[in-house]
Amino acid sequence: MEAQIIARACGKSHVLNLEPEDLCALNIEAAAMAGVPLAGTNWIPGRGES
C-alpha cells in the first residue's frame, strides 16, 4: 500500500510504472549504493563529473 502511495505521488498509476528517473536517495550512502541522485540534486556519488 505504501509503495502504491509513492507511485501515485510520482504521477504513476501503478508501482510497476515507476522508472529509475522517479527515484532519489535521502543520504549520500544510499545514493552511492543505489546509483541514484541525492534528493534535490542531479549528483550521484561515486560517478564521474562527465
N, C-alpha and C. Protein backbone atom coordinates (compact mmCIF):
# COMPACT_ATOMS: atom_id res chain seq x y z
N MET A 1 0.83 -1.19 0.00
CA MET A 1 0.00 0.00 0.00
C MET A 1 0.88 1.26 0.00
N GLU A 2 1.96 1.24 0.78
CA GLU A 2 2.83 2.42 0.84
C GLU A 2 3.52 2.65 -0.50
N ALA A 3 3.93 1.58 -1.15
CA ALA A 3 4.57 1.72 -2.46
C ALA A 3 3.60 2.29 -3.48
N GLN A 4 2.34 1.91 -3.39
CA GLN A 4 1.32 2.45 -4.30
C GLN A 4 1.12 3.94 -4.06
N ILE A 5 1.16 4.37 -2.82
CA ILE A 5 1.04 5.79 -2.48
C ILE A 5 2.21 6.57 -3.07
N ILE A 6 3.40 6.01 -2.97
CA ILE A 6 4.59 6.67 -3.53
C ILE A 6 4.48 6.76 -5.05
N ALA A 7 4.03 5.68 -5.68
CA ALA A 7 3.86 5.70 -7.13
C ALA A 7 2.88 6.78 -7.55
N ARG A 8 1.79 6.89 -6.85
CA ARG A 8 0.79 7.91 -7.19
C ARG A 8 1.33 9.32 -6.96
N ALA A 9 2.17 9.48 -5.94
CA ALA A 9 2.79 10.79 -5.69
C ALA A 9 3.72 11.18 -6.84
N CYS A 10 4.26 10.19 -7.55
CA CYS A 10 5.12 10.43 -8.72
C CYS A 10 4.30 10.59 -9.99
N GLY A 11 2.98 10.50 -9.87
CA GLY A 11 2.13 10.64 -11.05
C GLY A 11 1.94 9.35 -11.82
N LYS A 12 2.26 8.23 -11.19
CA LYS A 12 2.11 6.93 -11.85
C LYS A 12 0.85 6.24 -11.33
N SER A 13 0.23 5.42 -12.17
CA SER A 13 -0.99 4.74 -11.77
C SER A 13 -0.74 3.42 -11.06
N HIS A 14 0.49 2.89 -11.19
CA HIS A 14 0.79 1.59 -10.59
C HIS A 14 2.28 1.53 -10.26
N VAL A 15 2.63 0.74 -9.26
CA VAL A 15 4.02 0.60 -8.84
C VAL A 15 4.90 0.12 -10.00
N LEU A 16 4.36 -0.74 -10.84
CA LEU A 16 5.14 -1.27 -11.97
C LEU A 16 5.48 -0.20 -13.00
N ASN A 17 4.83 0.96 -12.94
CA ASN A 17 5.10 2.03 -13.87
C ASN A 17 6.22 2.95 -13.40
N LEU A 18 6.76 2.72 -12.21
CA LEU A 18 7.87 3.54 -11.72
C LEU A 18 9.12 3.28 -12.57
N GLU A 19 9.89 4.32 -12.79
CA GLU A 19 11.11 4.22 -13.58
C GLU A 19 12.28 4.71 -12.74
N PRO A 20 13.51 4.39 -13.12
CA PRO A 20 14.67 4.85 -12.35
C PRO A 20 14.71 6.37 -12.17
N GLU A 21 14.19 7.11 -13.14
CA GLU A 21 14.17 8.57 -13.04
C GLU A 21 13.26 9.06 -11.91
N ASP A 22 12.38 8.21 -11.41
CA ASP A 22 11.48 8.58 -10.33
C ASP A 22 12.13 8.43 -8.96
N LEU A 23 13.33 7.85 -8.91
CA LEU A 23 13.99 7.55 -7.65
C LEU A 23 15.02 8.59 -7.27
N CYS A 24 15.19 8.79 -5.95
CA CYS A 24 16.29 9.58 -5.41
C CYS A 24 16.56 9.04 -4.01
N ALA A 25 17.71 9.40 -3.47
CA ALA A 25 18.11 8.92 -2.15
C ALA A 25 18.14 10.09 -1.18
N LEU A 26 17.92 9.80 0.10
CA LEU A 26 17.90 10.85 1.11
C LEU A 26 19.24 11.08 1.78
N ASN A 27 20.21 10.17 1.56
CA ASN A 27 21.54 10.41 2.11
C ASN A 27 22.59 9.93 1.12
N ILE A 28 23.82 10.40 1.32
CA ILE A 28 24.90 10.13 0.36
C ILE A 28 25.18 8.64 0.23
N GLU A 29 25.17 7.92 1.34
CA GLU A 29 25.47 6.50 1.30
C GLU A 29 24.45 5.73 0.46
N ALA A 30 23.18 6.02 0.66
CA ALA A 30 22.13 5.33 -0.10
C ALA A 30 22.21 5.69 -1.58
N ALA A 31 22.51 6.95 -1.88
CA ALA A 31 22.64 7.38 -3.28
C ALA A 31 23.79 6.63 -3.96
N ALA A 32 24.91 6.49 -3.27
CA ALA A 32 26.06 5.79 -3.85
C ALA A 32 25.76 4.31 -4.06
N MET A 33 25.14 3.67 -3.09
CA MET A 33 24.85 2.24 -3.21
C MET A 33 23.83 1.95 -4.30
N ALA A 34 22.80 2.79 -4.42
CA ALA A 34 21.73 2.55 -5.38
C ALA A 34 22.04 3.12 -6.76
N GLY A 35 23.00 4.04 -6.83
CA GLY A 35 23.32 4.66 -8.11
C GLY A 35 22.24 5.62 -8.58
N VAL A 36 21.58 6.27 -7.62
CA VAL A 36 20.54 7.26 -7.94
C VAL A 36 20.97 8.61 -7.37
N PRO A 37 20.39 9.70 -7.87
CA PRO A 37 20.79 11.03 -7.39
C PRO A 37 20.40 11.27 -5.93
N LEU A 38 21.18 12.12 -5.30
CA LEU A 38 20.84 12.60 -3.97
C LEU A 38 19.65 13.52 -4.10
N ALA A 39 18.70 13.43 -3.18
CA ALA A 39 17.47 14.22 -3.24
C ALA A 39 17.80 15.70 -3.40
N GLY A 40 17.11 16.35 -4.32
CA GLY A 40 17.28 17.77 -4.56
C GLY A 40 18.46 18.12 -5.45
N THR A 41 19.16 17.11 -5.96
CA THR A 41 20.31 17.36 -6.84
C THR A 41 20.26 16.39 -8.02
N ASN A 42 21.20 16.57 -8.93
CA ASN A 42 21.40 15.61 -10.02
C ASN A 42 22.67 14.81 -9.79
N TRP A 43 23.29 14.98 -8.62
CA TRP A 43 24.58 14.37 -8.30
C TRP A 43 24.41 12.94 -7.82
N ILE A 44 25.16 12.03 -8.42
CA ILE A 44 25.20 10.64 -8.00
C ILE A 44 26.59 10.37 -7.44
N PRO A 45 26.72 10.16 -6.14
CA PRO A 45 28.04 9.95 -5.53
C PRO A 45 28.76 8.75 -6.16
N GLY A 46 30.06 8.91 -6.39
CA GLY A 46 30.85 7.82 -6.95
C GLY A 46 30.90 7.79 -8.45
N ARG A 47 30.13 8.63 -9.09
CA ARG A 47 30.15 8.70 -10.56
C ARG A 47 30.98 9.90 -10.97
N GLY A 48 31.61 9.81 -12.12
CA GLY A 48 32.42 10.90 -12.63
C GLY A 48 31.60 12.14 -12.91
N GLU A 49 32.27 13.24 -13.09
CA GLU A 49 31.61 14.52 -13.35
C GLU A 49 31.29 14.73 -14.82
N SER A 50 31.36 13.71 -15.63
CA SER A 50 31.17 13.84 -17.08
C SER A 50 29.78 14.14 -17.43
